Amino acid sequence: MLSVHAAVVFLAAVIIGLVMGGLMFLHNKSVPAAVAAGLVAAGASLPVLHKLIG
């Protein structure tokens, strides 16, 4: 089980990844580029969110 802190951090990272992936898809119309941008954004935001939340 995850703690509430970890769940909030992961949820925020997923939302950031989805938004960035969606924006990249709307800009380039490329699914692989959108997926890559979403994964990179979500991964890069995890350490920052962990420090900011909690």
Protein backbone atom coordinates (compact mmCIF):
# COMPACT_ATOMS: atom_id res chain seq x y z
CA MET A 1 0.00 0.00 0.00
CA LEU A 2 1.07 3.53 -0.70
CA SER A 3 0.97 6.32 1.80
CA VAL A 4 -1.31 9.25 1.12
CA HIS A 5 1.72 11.43 0.38
CA ALA A 6 3.04 9.01 -2.25
CA ALA A 7 -0.40 8.64 -3.83
CA VAL A 8 -0.82 12.42 -4.14
CA VAL A 9 2.66 12.79 -5.65
CA PHE A 10 2.05 10.02 -8.20
CA LEU A 11 -1.40 11.38 -9.09
CA ALA A 12 0.00 14.87 -9.66
CA ALA A 13 2.82 13.45 -11.79
CA VAL A 14 0.33 11.46 -13.90
CA ILE A 15 -1.79 14.56 -14.45
CA ILE A 16 1.27 16.58 -15.48
CA GLY A 17 2.33 13.80 -17.85
CA LEU A 18 -1.12 13.58 -19.42
CA VAL A 19 -1.32 17.33 -19.94
CA MET A 20 2.14 17.54 -21.47
CA GLY A 21 1.49 14.52 -23.67
CA GLY A 22 -1.82 15.97 -24.82
CA LEU A 23 -0.28 19.31 -25.63
CA MET A 24 2.54 17.65 -27.54
CA PHE A 25 0.03 15.57 -29.51
CA LEU A 26 -1.98 18.66 -30.41
CA HIS A 27 1.19 20.41 -31.54
CA ASN A 28 2.92 17.62 -33.52
CA LYS A 29 0.11 15.12 -34.24
CA SER A 30 2.61 12.39 -33.38
CA VAL A 31 1.65 9.71 -30.85
CA PRO A 32 5.22 8.51 -30.11
CA ALA A 33 6.39 12.08 -29.45
CA ALA A 34 3.38 12.69 -27.21
CA VAL A 35 4.00 9.52 -25.20
CA ALA A 36 7.68 10.34 -24.82
CA ALA A 37 6.93 13.90 -23.72
CA GLY A 38 4.37 12.68 -21.21
CA LEU A 39 6.73 10.11 -19.70
CA VAL A 40 9.59 12.58 -19.49
CA ALA A 41 7.39 15.25 -17.89
CA ALA A 42 5.95 12.81 -15.36
CA GLY A 43 9.36 11.40 -14.50
CA ALA A 44 10.97 14.80 -14.17
CA SER A 45 8.18 16.11 -11.95
CA LEU A 46 8.32 13.27 -9.41
CA PRO A 47 11.35 14.48 -7.38
CA VAL A 48 10.16 18.08 -7.44
CA LEU A 49 6.64 17.16 -6.35
CA HIS A 50 8.01 14.92 -3.60
CA LYS A 51 9.83 17.91 -2.14
CA LEU A 52 6.96 20.38 -2.63
CA ILE A 53 4.06 18.24 -1.38
CA GLY A 54 4.29 17.30 2.25
